[in-house]
Amino acid sequence: MADVMELICYPIKGCAGTSMSDALLTPAGLAHDRSFMVIGEDGVYRTQRRHPRLALIRPAVSADGTRLTLDSADRTGRYGTVRLAVTTSAPRRDVDLFGAAFQGIDQGDDAAAWLSEVLGTPSRLVRVPPEHDRVADGLTPGPSGYADSSAVHLLSRASLTLLNQRMAERGAPPVSMNRFRPNIVVDSRDGHGPDSDGGWAAVPHAEDRVRRITIGGAELGYAKLAVRCAVTLVEQEVGARRGREPLRTLADYRRAASGGVVFGAKFSVIRPGKLSVGDEVVVQQWGDAEL
């Protein structure tokens, strides 16, 4: 069997995550996850691929979603903190996410000025509008906010352990889980493989074969493998790229048949509910890995 070891929400796409002991899983993922996004003046989303300093921005959103605090992990401390009243009534503006056109609610000039100073380039902050109707594709399609694709990203500690072992063999230092920015981190509590009662294998990449799982009162359906990009090269604590790892090592053994390097799996929400660290993860259905 497997348990939830970590729950992480990323209120602003591309910015630092917040660890939680409990979280509400909504139809579009963890409550408030990727519900905000930083954009340029042209409306195109900002990503750590081009703006690694996003990792230094630490957002905190109130439980009811009406207040947002932005702080920076920059060691100089020169940026301070900005506190915002979240608006859902401001005019919509066009935004571009992976070339697809959506709408965003601009969160005002104070947020824009603060973000522009931290990132060193004109930027604005938008929120997903209530009428947002994006549906991410995959084996199990489902609603999604401003996430790269499906609503929930799940990764096992066993997968990261294998990666770090392979990196050590080539003399590379280990990477931490936050390089991959998962929402749910799981770990096996025993060494049993897939069986009739839904147990997990204590082996790497078991999440590749999961097709339907229940956690607490919620249920998730597998959508696709998580294709990795240059964001994994960013050391999250310093907001800067660090060499070619882990992509170089992943490319040796985690190339998908459809192309790209994959690590972890994306899920859609079938049944919302409450999640807690320590919850048992029960696999209801297994399938063949798409790798």
Protein backbone atom coordinates (compact mmCIF):
# COMPACT_ATOMS: atom_id res chain seq x y z
CA MET A 1 0.00 0.00 0.00
CA ALA A 2 1.00 3.65 -0.39
CA ASP A 3 0.39 6.79 1.60
CA VAL A 4 0.31 10.49 0.81
CA MET A 5 3.60 11.93 2.11
CA GLU A 6 3.28 15.51 0.84
CA LEU A 7 0.60 17.83 -0.53
CA ILE A 8 1.83 20.94 -2.36
CA CYS A 9 -0.23 23.77 -3.83
CA TYR A 10 1.17 26.31 -6.30
CA PRO A 11 -1.24 29.27 -6.22
CA ILE A 12 0.66 31.15 -8.94
CA LYS A 13 1.81 29.18 -11.96
CA GLY A 14 5.61 28.94 -11.97
CA CYS A 15 6.08 30.33 -8.45
CA ALA A 16 7.00 28.56 -5.21
CA GLY A 17 4.71 25.97 -3.71
CA THR A 18 3.10 25.73 -0.29
CA SER A 19 3.16 22.46 1.65
CA MET A 20 -0.07 21.54 3.41
CA SER A 21 -1.20 18.87 5.83
CA ASP A 22 -4.75 18.95 4.45
CA ALA A 23 -6.20 20.16 1.17
CA LEU A 24 -9.52 20.29 -0.62
CA LEU A 25 -9.42 18.61 -4.00
CA THR A 26 -11.74 20.47 -6.37
CA PRO A 27 -12.73 19.44 -9.91
CA ALA A 28 -9.77 21.54 -11.18
CA GLY A 29 -7.20 20.21 -8.68
CA LEU A 30 -6.08 21.29 -5.21
CA ALA A 31 -8.00 24.38 -4.11
CA HIS A 32 -6.33 27.53 -5.54
CA ASP A 33 -3.63 25.53 -7.35
CA ARG A 34 -2.45 27.42 -10.47
CA SER A 35 -5.41 29.77 -10.16
CA PHE A 36 -3.11 32.76 -10.78
CA MET A 37 -0.57 33.34 -13.53
CA VAL A 38 2.13 35.91 -14.28
CA ILE A 39 2.00 37.29 -17.82
CA GLY A 40 3.93 39.75 -19.94
CA GLU A 41 2.44 42.91 -21.38
CA ASP A 42 1.53 40.85 -24.45
CA GLY A 43 -0.54 38.45 -22.33
CA VAL A 44 1.84 35.49 -22.78
CA TYR A 45 2.37 33.43 -19.62
CA ARG A 46 5.70 33.61 -17.83
CA THR A 47 7.52 30.38 -16.99
CA GLN A 48 10.66 29.35 -15.14
CA ARG A 49 12.00 28.18 -18.46
CA ARG A 50 12.68 31.84 -19.32
CA HIS A 51 12.21 33.48 -15.92
CA PRO A 52 13.72 31.19 -13.27
CA ARG A 53 13.35 33.91 -10.62
CA LEU A 54 9.67 33.00 -10.48
CA ALA A 55 10.80 30.24 -8.12
CA LEU A 56 11.72 32.92 -5.55
CA ILE A 57 8.18 34.29 -5.37
CA ARG A 58 6.25 32.79 -2.46
CA PRO A 59 2.50 33.29 -2.76
CA ALA A 60 0.02 32.59 0.02
CA VAL A 61 -3.70 32.64 -0.65
CA SER A 62 -6.37 32.72 2.05
CA ALA A 63 -8.62 29.69 2.43
CA ASP A 64 -11.55 31.55 0.89
CA GLY A 65 -9.41 32.84 -1.98
CA THR A 66 -10.10 36.51 -1.29
CA ARG A 67 -6.62 37.56 -0.12
CA LEU A 68 -3.22 36.96 -1.71
CA THR A 69 0.20 37.70 -0.22
CA LEU A 70 3.36 37.86 -2.32
CA ASP A 71 6.75 37.51 -0.68
CA SER A 72 10.21 36.88 -2.11
CA ALA A 73 12.90 34.44 -1.06
CA ASP A 74 15.56 36.76 -2.51
CA ARG A 75 18.37 36.81 0.05
CA THR A 76 18.72 40.59 -0.06
CA GLY A 77 15.21 41.06 1.29
CA ARG A 78 14.83 44.21 -0.79
CA TYR A 79 11.48 43.40 -2.35
CA GLY A 80 9.37 43.20 0.79
CA THR A 81 5.83 41.87 0.82
CA VAL A 82 2.69 42.91 -1.03
CA ARG A 83 -0.82 42.04 0.16
CA LEU A 84 -3.69 42.03 -2.29
CA ALA A 85 -7.45 41.81 -2.21
CA VAL A 86 -8.23 39.30 -4.95
CA THR A 87 -10.72 40.60 -7.48
CA THR A 88 -13.02 38.56 -9.68
CA SER A 89 -14.94 41.54 -11.05
CA ALA A 90 -12.18 43.46 -12.85
CA PRO A 91 -12.24 43.47 -16.66
CA ARG A 92 -10.99 40.33 -18.37
CA ARG A 93 -7.92 40.41 -20.54
CA ASP A 94 -6.68 37.99 -23.19
CA VAL A 95 -3.93 35.62 -22.06
CA ASP A 96 -1.87 33.08 -23.98
CA LEU A 97 -1.06 29.71 -22.41
CA PHE A 98 0.97 27.40 -24.67
CA GLY A 99 -0.44 29.22 -27.69
CA ALA A 100 -4.05 28.73 -26.58
CA ALA A 101 -6.25 31.76 -25.94
CA PHE A 102 -7.87 32.15 -22.51
CA GLN A 103 -9.06 34.96 -20.28
CA GLY A 104 -7.60 36.30 -17.04
CA ILE A 105 -8.74 38.80 -14.42
CA ASP A 106 -6.04 41.43 -13.90
CA GLN A 107 -5.11 41.81 -10.22
CA GLY A 108 -4.04 45.42 -10.39
CA ASP A 109 -1.06 47.74 -10.53
CA ASP A 110 0.40 46.97 -7.08
CA ALA A 111 0.88 43.30 -7.97
CA ALA A 112 2.18 44.26 -11.42
CA ALA A 113 4.76 46.70 -10.04
CA TRP A 114 6.03 44.23 -7.44
CA LEU A 115 6.32 41.34 -9.91
CA SER A 116 8.00 43.56 -12.51
CA GLU A 117 10.66 44.56 -9.98
CA VAL A 118 11.35 41.00 -8.83
CA LEU A 119 11.51 39.57 -12.35
CA GLY A 120 13.22 42.58 -13.93
CA THR A 121 10.71 42.79 -16.75
CA PRO A 122 7.18 44.26 -17.11
CA SER A 123 4.74 41.72 -15.74
CA ARG A 124 1.15 41.48 -14.55
CA LEU A 125 -0.82 39.02 -12.47
CA VAL A 126 -4.10 37.47 -13.60
CA ARG A 127 -6.58 35.12 -11.98
CA VAL A 128 -8.63 32.34 -13.55
CA PRO A 129 -12.13 33.76 -14.12
CA PRO A 130 -15.13 31.90 -12.70
CA GLU A 131 -16.32 31.15 -16.25
CA HIS A 132 -12.99 29.47 -17.15
CA ASP A 133 -13.95 26.25 -18.97
CA ARG A 134 -10.62 24.73 -19.99
CA VAL A 135 -10.60 20.92 -20.24
CA ALA A 136 -7.19 19.21 -20.36
CA ASP A 137 -6.85 16.19 -22.61
CA GLY A 138 -5.51 12.73 -21.84
CA LEU A 139 -6.82 9.26 -21.11
CA THR A 140 -9.10 10.86 -18.51
CA PRO A 141 -9.88 14.45 -19.59
CA GLY A 142 -10.79 16.95 -16.92
CA PRO A 143 -11.05 20.62 -15.89
CA SER A 144 -7.81 22.52 -15.30
CA GLY A 145 -6.87 26.05 -14.31
CA TYR A 146 -3.56 27.45 -15.50
CA ALA A 147 -1.64 24.18 -14.96
CA ASP A 148 0.53 22.96 -17.82
CA SER A 149 -2.04 20.27 -18.57
CA SER A 150 -4.10 18.09 -16.23
CA ALA A 151 -5.19 19.22 -12.79
CA VAL A 152 -3.05 17.01 -10.53
CA HIS A 153 0.58 15.92 -10.77
CA LEU A 154 1.50 12.84 -8.72
CA LEU A 155 5.01 11.51 -8.13
CA SER A 156 6.44 8.75 -5.95
CA ARG A 157 9.53 8.95 -3.77
CA ALA A 158 10.69 5.66 -5.26
CA SER A 159 10.92 7.29 -8.70
CA LEU A 160 13.06 10.13 -7.35
CA THR A 161 15.28 7.70 -5.44
CA LEU A 162 16.05 5.78 -8.64
CA LEU A 163 16.80 8.99 -10.53
CA ASN A 164 19.23 10.17 -7.87
CA GLN A 165 20.91 6.75 -7.83
CA ARG A 166 21.44 6.93 -11.59
CA MET A 167 22.72 10.49 -11.32
CA ALA A 168 25.17 9.45 -8.59
CA GLU A 169 26.55 6.78 -10.90
CA ARG A 170 27.63 9.51 -13.32
CA GLY A 171 28.97 11.73 -10.55
CA ALA A 172 26.06 14.18 -10.43
CA PRO A 173 24.64 15.46 -7.12
CA PRO A 174 21.07 14.53 -6.15
CA VAL A 175 18.09 16.74 -6.90
CA SER A 176 15.17 17.39 -4.58
CA MET A 177 11.52 16.65 -5.20
CA ASN A 178 10.70 20.32 -5.73
CA ARG A 179 12.51 20.31 -9.08
CA PHE A 180 9.46 18.45 -10.42
CA ARG A 181 6.75 20.52 -8.67
CA PRO A 182 4.28 17.70 -7.86
CA ASN A 183 0.97 18.21 -6.09
CA ILE A 184 0.89 14.80 -4.42
CA VAL A 185 3.96 12.86 -3.31
CA VAL A 186 3.39 9.22 -2.37
CA ASP A 187 5.53 6.52 -0.83
CA SER A 188 4.93 2.81 -0.38
CA ARG A 189 4.48 1.44 3.09
CA ASP A 190 5.44 -2.12 2.09
CA GLY A 191 7.20 -4.03 -0.64
CA HIS A 192 4.23 -5.68 -2.30
CA GLY A 193 3.48 -5.34 -5.98
CA PRO A 194 0.14 -4.65 -7.66
CA ASP A 195 -2.42 -7.10 -6.33
CA SER A 196 -6.13 -7.64 -6.00
CA ASP A 197 -6.56 -5.25 -3.06
CA GLY A 198 -5.03 -2.31 -4.92
CA GLY A 199 -1.63 -2.32 -3.22
CA TRP A 200 1.27 -0.29 -4.59
CA ALA A 201 4.69 -1.62 -5.56
CA ALA A 202 7.64 -0.17 -3.67
CA VAL A 203 9.40 0.21 -7.00
CA PRO A 204 10.04 3.27 -9.16
CA HIS A 205 7.42 4.58 -11.58
CA ALA A 206 4.49 2.53 -10.32
CA GLU A 207 2.48 5.73 -10.92
CA ASP A 208 2.95 5.16 -14.67
CA ARG A 209 0.62 2.17 -14.48
CA VAL A 210 -2.05 3.61 -12.21
CA ARG A 211 -5.34 4.26 -13.99
CA ARG A 212 -7.72 5.05 -11.16
CA ILE A 213 -7.04 5.78 -7.49
CA THR A 214 -8.94 6.83 -4.39
CA ILE A 215 -7.38 9.01 -1.71
CA GLY A 216 -9.51 9.89 1.30
CA GLY A 217 -12.90 10.78 -0.10
CA ALA A 218 -11.57 11.71 -3.54
CA GLU A 219 -11.01 9.79 -6.75
CA LEU A 220 -8.59 10.53 -9.58
CA GLY A 221 -8.21 9.16 -13.09
CA TYR A 222 -4.95 8.88 -15.01
CA ALA A 223 -4.57 11.37 -17.85
CA LYS A 224 -0.99 11.14 -19.14
CA LEU A 225 2.67 10.92 -18.22
CA ALA A 226 4.30 14.18 -17.15
CA VAL A 227 6.62 15.44 -19.90
CA ARG A 228 9.58 17.24 -18.36
CA CYS A 229 11.14 20.48 -19.56
CA ALA A 230 13.90 22.93 -18.63
CA VAL A 231 12.06 23.91 -15.42
CA THR A 232 13.65 20.81 -13.86
CA LEU A 233 17.06 22.47 -14.36
CA VAL A 234 16.12 25.33 -12.03
CA GLU A 235 17.30 25.06 -8.43
CA GLN A 236 14.14 26.21 -6.73
CA GLU A 237 15.82 27.64 -3.64
CA VAL A 238 17.97 30.10 -5.60
CA GLY A 239 15.88 30.73 -8.73
CA ALA A 240 18.64 29.88 -11.21
CA ARG A 241 19.54 27.10 -13.61
CA ARG A 242 22.08 24.52 -12.48
CA GLY A 243 23.65 22.58 -15.34
CA ARG A 244 22.06 19.85 -17.45
CA GLU A 245 20.68 17.59 -14.73
CA PRO A 246 18.31 15.92 -14.19
CA LEU A 247 17.23 16.00 -17.85
CA ARG A 248 20.48 14.48 -19.07
CA THR A 249 20.10 11.39 -16.88
CA LEU A 250 16.34 11.09 -17.46
CA ALA A 251 16.95 11.07 -21.20
CA ASP A 252 18.91 7.83 -20.74
CA TYR A 253 15.97 5.81 -19.48
CA ARG A 254 12.74 7.83 -19.47
CA ARG A 255 12.03 8.66 -23.12
CA ALA A 256 8.40 8.15 -24.02
CA ALA A 257 7.41 6.37 -27.22
CA SER A 258 5.49 9.48 -28.24
CA GLY A 259 8.54 11.69 -27.67
CA GLY A 260 9.88 13.72 -24.76
CA VAL A 261 11.33 12.84 -21.39
CA VAL A 262 8.74 11.81 -18.78
CA PHE A 263 8.76 11.60 -15.01
CA GLY A 264 5.63 11.32 -12.86
CA ALA A 265 2.01 11.22 -13.97
CA LYS A 266 -0.87 13.66 -14.45
CA PHE A 267 -4.39 12.96 -13.20
CA SER A 268 -7.86 14.42 -13.59
CA VAL A 269 -10.34 14.66 -10.73
CA ILE A 270 -13.20 12.20 -10.97
CA ARG A 271 -14.62 12.86 -7.51
CA PRO A 272 -13.61 15.87 -5.40
CA GLY A 273 -12.92 15.49 -1.69
CA LYS A 274 -10.59 16.23 1.18
CA LEU A 275 -6.98 14.99 1.11
CA SER A 276 -4.60 14.72 4.06
CA VAL A 277 -0.97 13.77 4.52
CA GLY A 278 -1.04 10.17 5.71
CA ASP A 279 -4.07 9.19 3.65
CA GLU A 280 -3.88 5.76 2.07
CA VAL A 281 -3.64 5.75 -1.72
CA VAL A 282 -5.71 2.86 -3.05
CA VAL A 283 -5.31 1.81 -6.66
CA GLN A 284 -8.65 0.77 -8.13
CA GLN A 285 -7.34 0.03 -11.61
CA TRP A 286 -3.93 -0.67 -13.16
CA GLY A 287 -2.86 -0.39 -16.80
CA ASP A 288 0.21 -0.60 -19.00
CA ALA A 289 2.77 2.17 -18.88
CA GLU A 290 2.81 4.42 -21.94
CA LEU A 291 6.61 4.59 -21.87
